[in-house]
N, C-alpha and C. Protein backbone atom coordinates (compact mmCIF):
# COMPACT_ATOMS: atom_id res chain seq x y z
N UNK A 1 12.71 0.48 -21.72
CA UNK A 1 11.62 0.37 -20.75
C UNK A 1 11.21 1.75 -20.28
N UNK A 2 9.91 1.99 -20.28
CA UNK A 2 9.39 3.24 -19.75
C UNK A 2 8.48 2.95 -18.56
N UNK A 3 8.25 3.97 -17.76
CA UNK A 3 7.50 3.81 -16.52
C UNK A 3 6.45 4.91 -16.41
N UNK A 4 5.36 4.60 -15.71
CA UNK A 4 4.29 5.58 -15.54
C UNK A 4 3.73 5.50 -14.13
N UNK A 5 3.00 6.51 -13.74
CA UNK A 5 2.33 6.52 -12.44
C UNK A 5 1.13 5.58 -12.52
N UNK A 6 0.95 4.66 -11.57
CA UNK A 6 -0.20 3.74 -11.61
C UNK A 6 -1.53 4.46 -11.58
N UNK A 7 -2.56 3.80 -12.06
CA UNK A 7 -3.89 4.41 -12.15
C UNK A 7 -4.46 4.77 -10.79
N UNK A 8 -4.01 4.09 -9.73
CA UNK A 8 -4.56 4.37 -8.40
C UNK A 8 -3.73 5.40 -7.63
N UNK A 9 -2.72 5.98 -8.28
CA UNK A 9 -1.86 6.98 -7.63
C UNK A 9 -1.97 8.29 -8.36
N UNK A 10 -2.15 9.38 -7.63
CA UNK A 10 -2.17 10.72 -8.19
C UNK A 10 -1.05 11.53 -7.55
N UNK A 11 -0.59 12.56 -8.26
CA UNK A 11 0.53 13.36 -7.77
C UNK A 11 0.26 14.84 -7.98
N UNK A 12 0.72 15.62 -7.02
CA UNK A 12 0.70 17.08 -7.14
C UNK A 12 2.07 17.60 -6.73
N UNK A 13 2.48 18.70 -7.30
CA UNK A 13 3.77 19.30 -6.97
C UNK A 13 3.52 20.54 -6.12
N UNK A 14 3.98 20.48 -4.88
CA UNK A 14 3.81 21.59 -3.93
C UNK A 14 5.18 22.11 -3.51
N UNK A 15 5.43 23.36 -3.78
CA UNK A 15 6.71 23.99 -3.42
C UNK A 15 7.88 23.16 -3.94
N UNK A 16 7.74 22.66 -5.15
CA UNK A 16 8.82 21.91 -5.79
C UNK A 16 8.96 20.47 -5.34
N UNK A 17 8.05 19.97 -4.52
CA UNK A 17 8.11 18.59 -4.05
C UNK A 17 6.87 17.82 -4.49
N UNK A 18 7.04 16.60 -5.00
CA UNK A 18 5.86 15.80 -5.37
C UNK A 18 5.20 15.19 -4.14
N UNK A 19 3.87 15.33 -4.06
CA UNK A 19 3.07 14.71 -3.02
C UNK A 19 2.15 13.71 -3.71
N UNK A 20 2.02 12.51 -3.14
CA UNK A 20 1.27 11.44 -3.78
C UNK A 20 0.04 11.07 -2.96
N UNK A 21 -1.02 10.68 -3.68
CA UNK A 21 -2.22 10.11 -3.08
C UNK A 21 -2.42 8.73 -3.65
N UNK A 22 -2.37 7.72 -2.80
CA UNK A 22 -2.57 6.33 -3.19
C UNK A 22 -3.99 5.94 -2.80
N UNK A 23 -4.87 5.81 -3.81
CA UNK A 23 -6.27 5.50 -3.53
C UNK A 23 -6.44 4.10 -2.94
N UNK A 24 -5.66 3.14 -3.42
CA UNK A 24 -5.81 1.77 -2.90
C UNK A 24 -5.44 1.71 -1.42
N UNK A 25 -4.36 2.38 -1.05
CA UNK A 25 -3.91 2.36 0.34
C UNK A 25 -4.57 3.43 1.19
N UNK A 26 -5.31 4.34 0.53
CA UNK A 26 -5.97 5.45 1.23
C UNK A 26 -4.96 6.23 2.06
N UNK A 27 -3.91 6.71 1.42
CA UNK A 27 -2.88 7.45 2.14
C UNK A 27 -2.20 8.45 1.23
N UNK A 28 -1.69 9.50 1.83
CA UNK A 28 -0.82 10.45 1.16
C UNK A 28 0.61 10.13 1.57
N UNK A 29 1.56 10.41 0.69
CA UNK A 29 2.95 10.23 1.07
C UNK A 29 3.84 11.11 0.20
N UNK A 30 5.07 11.31 0.67
CA UNK A 30 6.07 12.08 -0.06
C UNK A 30 7.35 11.27 -0.14
N UNK A 31 8.20 11.62 -1.09
CA UNK A 31 9.50 11.00 -1.24
C UNK A 31 10.55 11.83 -0.52
N UNK A 32 11.72 11.27 -0.36
CA UNK A 32 12.83 12.07 0.14
C UNK A 32 13.09 13.22 -0.82
N UNK A 33 13.75 14.24 -0.36
CA UNK A 33 14.03 15.40 -1.20
C UNK A 33 14.80 14.97 -2.45
N UNK A 34 15.79 14.11 -2.27
CA UNK A 34 16.63 13.69 -3.41
C UNK A 34 15.82 12.86 -4.41
N UNK A 35 15.06 11.89 -3.91
CA UNK A 35 14.30 11.03 -4.81
C UNK A 35 13.16 11.80 -5.47
N UNK A 36 12.57 12.73 -4.73
CA UNK A 36 11.51 13.56 -5.31
C UNK A 36 12.04 14.40 -6.45
N UNK A 37 13.22 14.96 -6.29
CA UNK A 37 13.82 15.76 -7.36
C UNK A 37 14.13 14.88 -8.57
N UNK A 38 14.65 13.68 -8.32
CA UNK A 38 14.95 12.77 -9.42
C UNK A 38 13.68 12.39 -10.17
N UNK A 39 12.60 12.18 -9.42
CA UNK A 39 11.31 11.86 -10.05
C UNK A 39 10.86 12.99 -10.96
N UNK A 40 10.87 14.22 -10.48
CA UNK A 40 10.41 15.35 -11.27
C UNK A 40 11.32 15.61 -12.47
N UNK A 41 12.61 15.45 -12.27
CA UNK A 41 13.56 15.69 -13.37
C UNK A 41 13.39 14.67 -14.48
N UNK A 42 12.98 13.43 -14.12
CA UNK A 42 12.88 12.39 -15.13
C UNK A 42 11.54 12.25 -15.79
N UNK A 43 10.52 12.96 -15.29
CA UNK A 43 9.16 12.84 -15.80
C UNK A 43 8.98 13.74 -17.02
N UNK A 44 8.52 13.15 -18.13
CA UNK A 44 8.33 13.98 -19.32
C UNK A 44 6.93 14.61 -19.31
N UNK A 45 6.64 15.39 -20.34
CA UNK A 45 5.40 16.15 -20.37
C UNK A 45 4.15 15.28 -20.45
N UNK A 46 4.29 14.02 -20.84
CA UNK A 46 3.15 13.13 -20.98
C UNK A 46 2.96 12.22 -19.76
N UNK A 47 3.82 12.37 -18.77
CA UNK A 47 3.67 11.57 -17.56
C UNK A 47 4.47 10.29 -17.54
N UNK A 48 5.36 10.08 -18.50
CA UNK A 48 6.20 8.88 -18.53
C UNK A 48 7.57 9.20 -17.94
N UNK A 49 8.16 8.25 -17.24
CA UNK A 49 9.51 8.41 -16.71
C UNK A 49 10.41 7.39 -17.37
N UNK A 50 11.52 7.85 -17.93
CA UNK A 50 12.42 6.96 -18.68
C UNK A 50 13.78 6.82 -18.03
N UNK A 51 14.03 7.51 -16.93
CA UNK A 51 15.32 7.46 -16.25
C UNK A 51 15.41 6.18 -15.43
N UNK A 52 16.15 5.19 -15.94
CA UNK A 52 16.22 3.89 -15.29
C UNK A 52 16.95 3.95 -13.96
N UNK A 53 17.76 4.99 -13.75
CA UNK A 53 18.55 5.06 -12.52
C UNK A 53 17.68 5.24 -11.28
N UNK A 54 16.50 5.80 -11.44
CA UNK A 54 15.61 5.99 -10.28
C UNK A 54 14.30 5.23 -10.43
N UNK A 55 13.98 4.76 -11.64
CA UNK A 55 12.67 4.18 -11.90
C UNK A 55 12.40 2.95 -11.05
N UNK A 56 13.35 2.03 -10.97
CA UNK A 56 13.09 0.79 -10.23
C UNK A 56 12.91 1.05 -8.74
N UNK A 57 13.64 2.02 -8.21
CA UNK A 57 13.45 2.38 -6.80
C UNK A 57 12.04 2.90 -6.57
N UNK A 58 11.53 3.65 -7.53
CA UNK A 58 10.18 4.19 -7.40
C UNK A 58 9.12 3.10 -7.61
N UNK A 59 9.42 2.11 -8.44
CA UNK A 59 8.51 0.97 -8.60
C UNK A 59 8.36 0.23 -7.27
N UNK A 60 9.49 0.04 -6.58
CA UNK A 60 9.45 -0.68 -5.30
C UNK A 60 8.64 0.09 -4.26
N UNK A 61 8.60 1.41 -4.36
CA UNK A 61 7.84 2.22 -3.42
C UNK A 61 6.39 2.39 -3.83
N UNK A 62 6.02 1.85 -5.01
CA UNK A 62 4.65 1.95 -5.48
C UNK A 62 4.32 3.24 -6.17
N UNK A 63 5.33 4.07 -6.43
CA UNK A 63 5.12 5.35 -7.10
C UNK A 63 4.95 5.17 -8.60
N UNK A 64 5.67 4.20 -9.17
CA UNK A 64 5.63 3.96 -10.60
C UNK A 64 5.30 2.50 -10.88
N UNK A 65 4.86 2.23 -12.11
CA UNK A 65 4.75 0.87 -12.61
C UNK A 65 5.36 0.85 -14.01
N UNK A 66 5.65 -0.35 -14.49
CA UNK A 66 6.26 -0.48 -15.81
C UNK A 66 5.23 -0.18 -16.89
N UNK A 67 5.68 0.36 -18.00
CA UNK A 67 4.78 0.71 -19.11
C UNK A 67 3.99 -0.50 -19.53
N UNK A 68 2.72 -0.28 -19.91
CA UNK A 68 1.84 -1.36 -20.29
C UNK A 68 0.93 -1.76 -19.16
N UNK A 69 1.31 -1.41 -17.90
CA UNK A 69 0.49 -1.73 -16.75
C UNK A 69 -0.43 -0.57 -16.37
N UNK A 70 -0.20 0.58 -16.97
CA UNK A 70 -0.99 1.75 -16.62
C UNK A 70 -0.87 2.79 -17.71
N UNK A 71 -1.52 3.90 -17.50
CA UNK A 71 -1.43 5.05 -18.39
C UNK A 71 -0.86 6.22 -17.59
N UNK A 72 -0.33 7.24 -18.28
CA UNK A 72 0.17 8.39 -17.54
C UNK A 72 -0.93 8.99 -16.68
N UNK A 73 -0.55 9.44 -15.47
CA UNK A 73 -1.52 9.96 -14.52
C UNK A 73 -1.16 11.39 -14.14
N UNK A 74 -1.41 12.32 -15.02
CA UNK A 74 -1.22 13.72 -14.71
C UNK A 74 -2.56 14.32 -14.30
N UNK A 75 -2.55 15.13 -13.25
CA UNK A 75 -3.79 15.75 -12.78
C UNK A 75 -4.30 16.72 -13.84
N UNK A 76 -5.55 16.59 -14.27
CA UNK A 76 -6.08 17.52 -15.28
C UNK A 76 -6.00 18.96 -14.81
N UNK A 77 -5.73 19.85 -15.75
CA UNK A 77 -5.69 21.26 -15.44
C UNK A 77 -7.12 21.79 -15.31
N UNK A 78 -7.41 22.42 -14.21
CA UNK A 78 -8.74 23.00 -13.99
C UNK A 78 -8.57 24.46 -13.59
N UNK A 79 -9.58 25.27 -13.84
CA UNK A 79 -9.47 26.68 -13.46
C UNK A 79 -9.31 26.83 -11.95
N UNK A 80 -8.46 27.74 -11.53
CA UNK A 80 -8.35 28.03 -10.10
C UNK A 80 -9.57 28.83 -9.67
N UNK A 81 -10.27 28.39 -8.63
CA UNK A 81 -11.49 29.11 -8.22
C UNK A 81 -11.18 30.55 -7.81
N UNK A 82 -11.98 31.45 -8.30
CA UNK A 82 -11.81 32.86 -7.98
C UNK A 82 -13.03 33.46 -7.29
N UNK A 83 -14.12 32.71 -7.27
CA UNK A 83 -15.34 33.21 -6.66
C UNK A 83 -16.15 32.02 -6.14
N UNK A 84 -17.14 32.30 -5.32
CA UNK A 84 -17.90 31.22 -4.70
C UNK A 84 -19.35 31.63 -4.51
N UNK A 85 -20.22 30.64 -4.63
CA UNK A 85 -21.63 30.89 -4.31
C UNK A 85 -21.80 31.29 -2.85
N UNK A 86 -20.88 30.82 -2.00
CA UNK A 86 -21.01 31.10 -0.57
C UNK A 86 -20.55 32.50 -0.20
N UNK A 87 -19.95 33.20 -1.14
CA UNK A 87 -19.51 34.57 -0.86
C UNK A 87 -20.65 35.57 -0.96
N UNK A 88 -21.80 35.12 -1.39
CA UNK A 88 -22.98 35.99 -1.50
C UNK A 88 -24.13 35.34 -0.73
N UNK A 89 -25.14 36.11 -0.36
CA UNK A 89 -26.29 35.52 0.34
C UNK A 89 -26.91 34.39 -0.48
N UNK A 90 -27.21 33.30 0.20
CA UNK A 90 -27.80 32.14 -0.46
C UNK A 90 -29.32 32.22 -0.41
N UNK A 91 -29.98 31.61 -1.38
CA UNK A 91 -31.45 31.60 -1.37
C UNK A 91 -31.96 30.70 -0.26
N UNK A 92 -33.19 30.86 0.15
CA UNK A 92 -33.76 29.96 1.16
C UNK A 92 -33.89 28.55 0.60
N UNK A 93 -33.81 27.58 1.46
CA UNK A 93 -33.97 26.19 1.04
C UNK A 93 -35.09 25.55 1.84
N UNK A 94 -35.89 24.75 1.17
CA UNK A 94 -37.04 24.14 1.79
C UNK A 94 -36.70 22.98 2.71
N UNK A 95 -37.66 22.56 3.49
CA UNK A 95 -37.44 21.46 4.45
C UNK A 95 -37.06 20.17 3.74
N UNK A 96 -37.70 19.88 2.60
CA UNK A 96 -37.39 18.66 1.87
C UNK A 96 -35.94 18.67 1.39
N UNK A 97 -35.47 19.82 0.91
CA UNK A 97 -34.08 19.92 0.45
C UNK A 97 -33.12 19.73 1.62
N UNK A 98 -33.46 20.28 2.79
CA UNK A 98 -32.64 20.09 3.98
C UNK A 98 -32.55 18.61 4.35
N UNK A 99 -33.68 17.92 4.30
CA UNK A 99 -33.69 16.50 4.65
C UNK A 99 -32.86 15.69 3.66
N UNK A 100 -32.95 16.03 2.38
CA UNK A 100 -32.15 15.31 1.37
C UNK A 100 -30.67 15.59 1.56
N UNK A 101 -30.34 16.83 1.92
CA UNK A 101 -28.94 17.17 2.16
C UNK A 101 -28.40 16.36 3.34
N UNK A 102 -29.19 16.27 4.40
CA UNK A 102 -28.76 15.49 5.56
C UNK A 102 -28.64 14.02 5.23
N UNK A 103 -29.60 13.48 4.48
CA UNK A 103 -29.57 12.07 4.13
C UNK A 103 -28.37 11.73 3.26
N UNK A 104 -28.07 12.56 2.28
CA UNK A 104 -26.92 12.27 1.41
C UNK A 104 -25.61 12.39 2.18
N UNK A 105 -25.55 13.31 3.13
CA UNK A 105 -24.34 13.43 3.96
C UNK A 105 -24.14 12.19 4.82
N UNK A 106 -25.20 11.72 5.45
CA UNK A 106 -25.11 10.52 6.29
C UNK A 106 -24.71 9.31 5.44
N UNK A 107 -25.27 9.21 4.24
CA UNK A 107 -24.94 8.09 3.35
C UNK A 107 -23.49 8.18 2.89
N UNK A 108 -23.01 9.39 2.63
CA UNK A 108 -21.61 9.54 2.21
C UNK A 108 -20.66 9.12 3.32
N UNK A 109 -20.95 9.51 4.54
CA UNK A 109 -20.11 9.10 5.66
C UNK A 109 -20.12 7.58 5.83
N UNK A 110 -21.31 6.98 5.67
CA UNK A 110 -21.41 5.53 5.80
C UNK A 110 -20.61 4.84 4.69
N UNK A 111 -20.71 5.35 3.47
CA UNK A 111 -19.97 4.75 2.36
C UNK A 111 -18.47 4.78 2.61
N UNK A 112 -17.97 5.90 3.13
CA UNK A 112 -16.54 6.01 3.39
C UNK A 112 -16.08 5.08 4.50
N UNK A 113 -16.99 4.70 5.38
CA UNK A 113 -16.62 3.78 6.46
C UNK A 113 -16.61 2.32 5.99
N UNK A 114 -17.54 1.96 5.09
CA UNK A 114 -17.70 0.54 4.76
C UNK A 114 -17.11 0.15 3.40
N UNK A 115 -16.80 1.12 2.55
CA UNK A 115 -16.24 0.81 1.24
C UNK A 115 -14.84 1.37 1.13
N UNK A 116 -13.98 0.75 0.32
CA UNK A 116 -12.66 1.33 0.07
C UNK A 116 -12.80 2.73 -0.54
N UNK A 117 -11.90 3.61 -0.17
CA UNK A 117 -11.93 4.97 -0.69
C UNK A 117 -11.86 4.96 -2.22
N UNK A 118 -11.04 4.07 -2.77
CA UNK A 118 -10.92 4.01 -4.23
C UNK A 118 -12.26 3.69 -4.89
N UNK A 119 -13.07 2.83 -4.26
CA UNK A 119 -14.36 2.46 -4.85
C UNK A 119 -15.27 3.68 -4.94
N UNK A 120 -15.24 4.53 -3.94
CA UNK A 120 -16.06 5.74 -3.97
C UNK A 120 -15.62 6.67 -5.08
N UNK A 121 -14.31 6.85 -5.23
CA UNK A 121 -13.80 7.72 -6.29
C UNK A 121 -14.14 7.16 -7.66
N UNK A 122 -14.02 5.85 -7.84
CA UNK A 122 -14.35 5.24 -9.13
C UNK A 122 -15.84 5.41 -9.43
N UNK A 123 -16.68 5.36 -8.41
CA UNK A 123 -18.11 5.58 -8.61
C UNK A 123 -18.37 6.99 -9.14
N UNK A 124 -17.72 7.98 -8.56
CA UNK A 124 -17.86 9.35 -9.04
C UNK A 124 -17.35 9.49 -10.47
N UNK A 125 -16.25 8.82 -10.76
CA UNK A 125 -15.67 8.90 -12.10
C UNK A 125 -16.59 8.26 -13.14
N UNK A 126 -17.14 7.09 -12.82
CA UNK A 126 -18.03 6.42 -13.78
C UNK A 126 -19.25 7.27 -14.09
N UNK A 127 -19.82 7.86 -13.06
CA UNK A 127 -20.99 8.71 -13.27
C UNK A 127 -20.64 9.93 -14.11
N UNK A 128 -19.49 10.52 -13.86
CA UNK A 128 -19.09 11.70 -14.62
C UNK A 128 -18.85 11.34 -16.09
N UNK A 129 -18.29 10.15 -16.33
CA UNK A 129 -18.04 9.71 -17.69
C UNK A 129 -19.31 9.47 -18.47
N UNK A 130 -20.39 9.11 -17.75
CA UNK A 130 -21.67 8.85 -18.41
C UNK A 130 -22.45 10.13 -18.69
N UNK A 131 -21.97 11.25 -18.18
CA UNK A 131 -22.66 12.51 -18.38
C UNK A 131 -22.74 12.84 -19.87
N UNK A 132 -23.92 13.09 -20.36
CA UNK A 132 -24.11 13.37 -21.78
C UNK A 132 -24.69 14.75 -22.04
N UNK A 133 -25.29 15.35 -21.03
CA UNK A 133 -25.89 16.67 -21.21
C UNK A 133 -25.49 17.58 -20.06
N UNK A 134 -25.60 18.86 -20.28
CA UNK A 134 -25.32 19.86 -19.26
C UNK A 134 -26.64 20.45 -18.79
N UNK A 135 -26.91 20.35 -17.50
CA UNK A 135 -28.17 20.84 -16.95
C UNK A 135 -28.04 22.29 -16.52
N UNK A 136 -29.11 23.04 -16.70
CA UNK A 136 -29.16 24.42 -16.25
C UNK A 136 -29.96 24.55 -14.94
N UNK A 137 -30.14 23.43 -14.25
CA UNK A 137 -30.89 23.45 -13.00
C UNK A 137 -30.22 24.36 -11.98
N UNK A 138 -30.94 25.28 -11.37
CA UNK A 138 -30.35 26.14 -10.33
C UNK A 138 -29.84 25.29 -9.16
N UNK A 139 -28.65 25.62 -8.66
CA UNK A 139 -28.06 24.83 -7.58
C UNK A 139 -28.05 25.58 -6.25
N UNK A 140 -28.50 26.82 -6.24
CA UNK A 140 -28.41 27.64 -5.03
C UNK A 140 -29.10 27.03 -3.84
N UNK A 141 -30.31 26.47 -4.04
CA UNK A 141 -31.05 25.90 -2.91
C UNK A 141 -30.32 24.70 -2.32
N UNK A 142 -29.76 23.85 -3.20
CA UNK A 142 -29.02 22.67 -2.72
C UNK A 142 -27.77 23.11 -1.97
N UNK A 143 -27.03 24.05 -2.53
CA UNK A 143 -25.81 24.54 -1.89
C UNK A 143 -26.14 25.16 -0.54
N UNK A 144 -27.24 25.90 -0.48
CA UNK A 144 -27.65 26.51 0.78
C UNK A 144 -27.95 25.45 1.83
N UNK A 145 -28.65 24.40 1.44
CA UNK A 145 -28.99 23.34 2.38
C UNK A 145 -27.73 22.65 2.91
N UNK A 146 -26.77 22.38 2.02
CA UNK A 146 -25.55 21.71 2.45
C UNK A 146 -24.69 22.62 3.32
N UNK A 147 -24.67 23.90 3.02
CA UNK A 147 -23.86 24.82 3.81
C UNK A 147 -24.41 24.98 5.22
N UNK A 148 -25.68 24.67 5.40
CA UNK A 148 -26.32 24.83 6.71
C UNK A 148 -26.39 23.52 7.49
N UNK A 149 -25.70 22.47 6.99
CA UNK A 149 -25.71 21.20 7.71
C UNK A 149 -25.13 21.33 9.11
N UNK A 150 -24.21 22.29 9.29
CA UNK A 150 -23.58 22.47 10.58
C UNK A 150 -24.55 22.80 11.69
N UNK A 151 -25.74 23.23 11.35
CA UNK A 151 -26.75 23.50 12.37
C UNK A 151 -27.38 22.22 12.90
N UNK A 152 -27.19 21.12 12.15
CA UNK A 152 -27.85 19.86 12.51
C UNK A 152 -26.84 18.82 12.98
N UNK A 153 -25.71 18.71 12.27
CA UNK A 153 -24.69 17.72 12.60
C UNK A 153 -23.33 18.39 12.62
N UNK A 154 -22.36 17.72 13.23
CA UNK A 154 -21.00 18.24 13.26
C UNK A 154 -20.34 17.95 11.92
N UNK A 155 -20.03 19.00 11.16
CA UNK A 155 -19.43 18.80 9.83
C UNK A 155 -18.03 19.40 9.76
N UNK A 156 -17.52 19.94 10.88
CA UNK A 156 -16.16 20.49 10.86
C UNK A 156 -15.16 19.39 10.52
N UNK A 157 -14.21 19.71 9.65
CA UNK A 157 -13.19 18.76 9.22
C UNK A 157 -13.80 17.55 8.52
N UNK A 158 -14.97 17.71 7.93
CA UNK A 158 -15.64 16.63 7.21
C UNK A 158 -15.80 17.01 5.74
N UNK A 159 -14.78 17.60 5.17
CA UNK A 159 -14.92 18.10 3.79
C UNK A 159 -15.15 16.97 2.80
N UNK A 160 -14.59 15.78 3.06
CA UNK A 160 -14.73 14.69 2.09
C UNK A 160 -16.17 14.18 2.00
N UNK A 161 -16.81 13.78 3.10
CA UNK A 161 -18.21 13.34 2.96
C UNK A 161 -19.13 14.48 2.52
N UNK A 162 -18.85 15.71 2.95
CA UNK A 162 -19.69 16.83 2.51
C UNK A 162 -19.60 17.01 1.00
N UNK A 163 -18.39 16.91 0.45
CA UNK A 163 -18.23 17.10 -0.99
C UNK A 163 -18.86 15.96 -1.77
N UNK A 164 -18.69 14.73 -1.28
CA UNK A 164 -19.30 13.58 -1.95
C UNK A 164 -20.83 13.71 -1.92
N UNK A 165 -21.36 14.10 -0.77
CA UNK A 165 -22.81 14.27 -0.65
C UNK A 165 -23.32 15.34 -1.60
N UNK A 166 -22.59 16.44 -1.72
CA UNK A 166 -23.00 17.51 -2.63
C UNK A 166 -22.96 17.03 -4.07
N UNK A 167 -21.92 16.27 -4.44
CA UNK A 167 -21.86 15.70 -5.79
C UNK A 167 -23.05 14.79 -6.05
N UNK A 168 -23.43 13.97 -5.05
CA UNK A 168 -24.51 13.01 -5.24
C UNK A 168 -25.86 13.69 -5.41
N UNK A 169 -26.15 14.67 -4.56
CA UNK A 169 -27.47 15.30 -4.65
C UNK A 169 -27.58 16.16 -5.91
N UNK A 170 -26.48 16.78 -6.32
CA UNK A 170 -26.52 17.55 -7.56
C UNK A 170 -26.66 16.63 -8.77
N UNK A 171 -26.01 15.47 -8.74
CA UNK A 171 -26.13 14.51 -9.84
C UNK A 171 -27.57 14.04 -9.98
N UNK A 172 -28.28 13.91 -8.86
CA UNK A 172 -29.67 13.48 -8.92
C UNK A 172 -30.54 14.52 -9.62
N UNK A 173 -30.04 15.74 -9.73
CA UNK A 173 -30.75 16.81 -10.43
C UNK A 173 -30.16 17.09 -11.80
N UNK A 174 -29.25 16.21 -12.24
CA UNK A 174 -28.67 16.35 -13.56
C UNK A 174 -27.53 17.34 -13.64
N UNK A 175 -26.99 17.74 -12.48
CA UNK A 175 -25.88 18.68 -12.44
C UNK A 175 -24.62 17.91 -12.06
N UNK A 176 -23.54 18.09 -12.83
CA UNK A 176 -22.31 17.32 -12.62
C UNK A 176 -21.11 18.25 -12.52
N UNK A 177 -20.86 18.81 -11.34
CA UNK A 177 -19.71 19.69 -11.16
C UNK A 177 -18.41 18.89 -11.03
N UNK A 178 -17.36 19.54 -10.63
CA UNK A 178 -16.04 18.92 -10.52
C UNK A 178 -15.68 18.72 -9.05
N UNK A 179 -15.25 17.50 -8.74
CA UNK A 179 -14.83 17.11 -7.40
C UNK A 179 -13.31 17.19 -7.33
N UNK A 180 -12.79 17.89 -6.33
CA UNK A 180 -11.35 18.14 -6.26
C UNK A 180 -10.81 17.83 -4.87
N UNK A 181 -9.67 17.16 -4.81
CA UNK A 181 -8.90 17.03 -3.58
C UNK A 181 -7.59 17.78 -3.80
N UNK A 182 -7.25 18.65 -2.87
CA UNK A 182 -6.02 19.43 -2.98
C UNK A 182 -5.13 19.22 -1.77
N UNK A 183 -3.84 19.52 -1.94
CA UNK A 183 -2.87 19.39 -0.85
C UNK A 183 -2.02 20.65 -0.78
N UNK A 184 -1.36 20.83 0.37
CA UNK A 184 -0.44 21.95 0.53
C UNK A 184 0.64 21.56 1.52
N UNK A 185 1.69 22.37 1.62
CA UNK A 185 2.76 22.20 2.61
C UNK A 185 2.83 23.44 3.49
N UNK A 186 3.10 23.27 4.82
CA UNK A 186 3.15 22.01 5.57
C UNK A 186 1.89 21.20 5.29
N UNK A 187 2.03 19.87 5.37
CA UNK A 187 1.00 19.03 4.77
C UNK A 187 -0.38 19.25 5.37
N UNK A 188 -1.32 19.44 4.47
CA UNK A 188 -2.74 19.45 4.79
C UNK A 188 -3.47 19.08 3.51
N UNK A 189 -4.64 18.51 3.64
CA UNK A 189 -5.45 18.14 2.48
C UNK A 189 -6.86 18.69 2.67
N UNK A 190 -7.49 19.01 1.55
CA UNK A 190 -8.85 19.54 1.61
C UNK A 190 -9.58 19.09 0.35
N UNK A 191 -10.89 18.93 0.48
CA UNK A 191 -11.74 18.50 -0.63
C UNK A 191 -12.80 19.54 -0.88
N UNK A 192 -13.10 19.80 -2.17
CA UNK A 192 -14.13 20.78 -2.49
C UNK A 192 -14.81 20.44 -3.81
N UNK A 193 -15.86 21.19 -4.12
CA UNK A 193 -16.62 21.02 -5.36
C UNK A 193 -16.68 22.36 -6.07
N UNK A 194 -16.43 22.34 -7.37
CA UNK A 194 -16.45 23.58 -8.15
C UNK A 194 -17.04 23.31 -9.52
N UNK A 195 -17.46 24.38 -10.19
CA UNK A 195 -17.86 24.31 -11.58
C UNK A 195 -17.18 25.47 -12.29
N UNK A 196 -16.35 25.13 -13.27
CA UNK A 196 -15.45 26.11 -13.89
C UNK A 196 -14.62 26.76 -12.78
N UNK A 197 -14.64 28.11 -12.68
CA UNK A 197 -13.85 28.76 -11.64
C UNK A 197 -14.71 29.19 -10.46
N UNK A 198 -15.87 28.56 -10.34
CA UNK A 198 -16.84 28.94 -9.31
C UNK A 198 -16.93 27.83 -8.27
N UNK A 199 -16.62 28.14 -7.00
CA UNK A 199 -16.77 27.19 -5.92
C UNK A 199 -18.23 27.09 -5.50
N UNK A 200 -18.66 25.87 -5.21
CA UNK A 200 -20.03 25.70 -4.73
C UNK A 200 -20.08 24.97 -3.39
N UNK A 201 -18.90 24.70 -2.80
CA UNK A 201 -18.87 24.02 -1.50
C UNK A 201 -18.14 24.81 -0.43
N UNK A 202 -17.33 25.77 -0.83
CA UNK A 202 -16.48 26.52 0.09
C UNK A 202 -16.42 27.98 -0.33
N UNK A 203 -15.92 28.80 0.59
CA UNK A 203 -15.59 30.16 0.21
C UNK A 203 -14.25 30.16 -0.51
N UNK A 204 -14.03 31.13 -1.37
CA UNK A 204 -12.87 31.13 -2.26
C UNK A 204 -11.55 31.07 -1.50
N UNK A 205 -11.42 31.80 -0.40
CA UNK A 205 -10.16 31.83 0.33
C UNK A 205 -9.82 30.49 0.96
N UNK A 206 -10.82 29.65 1.18
CA UNK A 206 -10.59 28.37 1.84
C UNK A 206 -9.67 27.47 1.04
N UNK A 207 -9.74 27.53 -0.28
CA UNK A 207 -8.99 26.58 -1.12
C UNK A 207 -7.82 27.24 -1.84
N UNK A 208 -7.58 28.51 -1.61
CA UNK A 208 -6.61 29.25 -2.42
C UNK A 208 -5.18 28.72 -2.26
N UNK A 209 -4.86 28.09 -1.13
CA UNK A 209 -3.49 27.62 -0.89
C UNK A 209 -3.27 26.16 -1.30
N UNK A 210 -4.29 25.52 -1.84
CA UNK A 210 -4.21 24.09 -2.15
C UNK A 210 -3.94 23.84 -3.63
N UNK A 211 -3.13 22.82 -3.90
CA UNK A 211 -2.84 22.37 -5.26
C UNK A 211 -3.62 21.09 -5.54
N UNK A 212 -4.41 21.02 -6.59
CA UNK A 212 -5.19 19.80 -6.87
C UNK A 212 -4.30 18.58 -7.04
N UNK A 213 -4.69 17.49 -6.38
CA UNK A 213 -3.99 16.22 -6.54
C UNK A 213 -4.90 15.16 -7.15
N UNK A 214 -6.22 15.38 -7.06
CA UNK A 214 -7.19 14.46 -7.66
C UNK A 214 -8.37 15.29 -8.15
N UNK A 215 -8.76 15.06 -9.40
CA UNK A 215 -9.86 15.80 -10.00
C UNK A 215 -10.81 14.81 -10.66
N UNK A 216 -12.10 14.91 -10.34
CA UNK A 216 -13.12 14.07 -10.97
C UNK A 216 -14.14 14.99 -11.62
């Protein structure tokens, strides 16, 4: 019998400890030091765990499921951001772009209130999977409008709806960047948007201490 991480659970390793994100339950959690070490020691390079001595305990905690019920869930490797559009002066953005930025932000906040978090993530994933072309549309004006939302609404500590809104408005222009949720210890979580090693939602130093736990 082999075991794998369920499709709705993602994991990141921070300072030698596994941190989990359960999309169905909309929560982060960690294991005890001993069980976390056993989990990491038993996980092979493809994301399967074969150590029966700890596997069933992890199944009961929702960390693992039996093989055949899921696929391995390793976070894709992405470039660590080294630069950001926000580190340089942004181009001016028109009134219409500002209004669209505000509208998509309000809609993202509403979606997170009325829909399960997992449903929102699956929506982003489905759209990304349907991507067939790469657009060269300039994104500076859109990024500028979103970065200036703080002048209109309170966006502090609202990285999740801001990132979802940025993904949505860029997708409407045929641009499909990467959506990332990262974690760190002592525990904190942050969400951002990047393309290759270029941040388009944050300044580079903002995300430097975070390890990706979910990538779309």
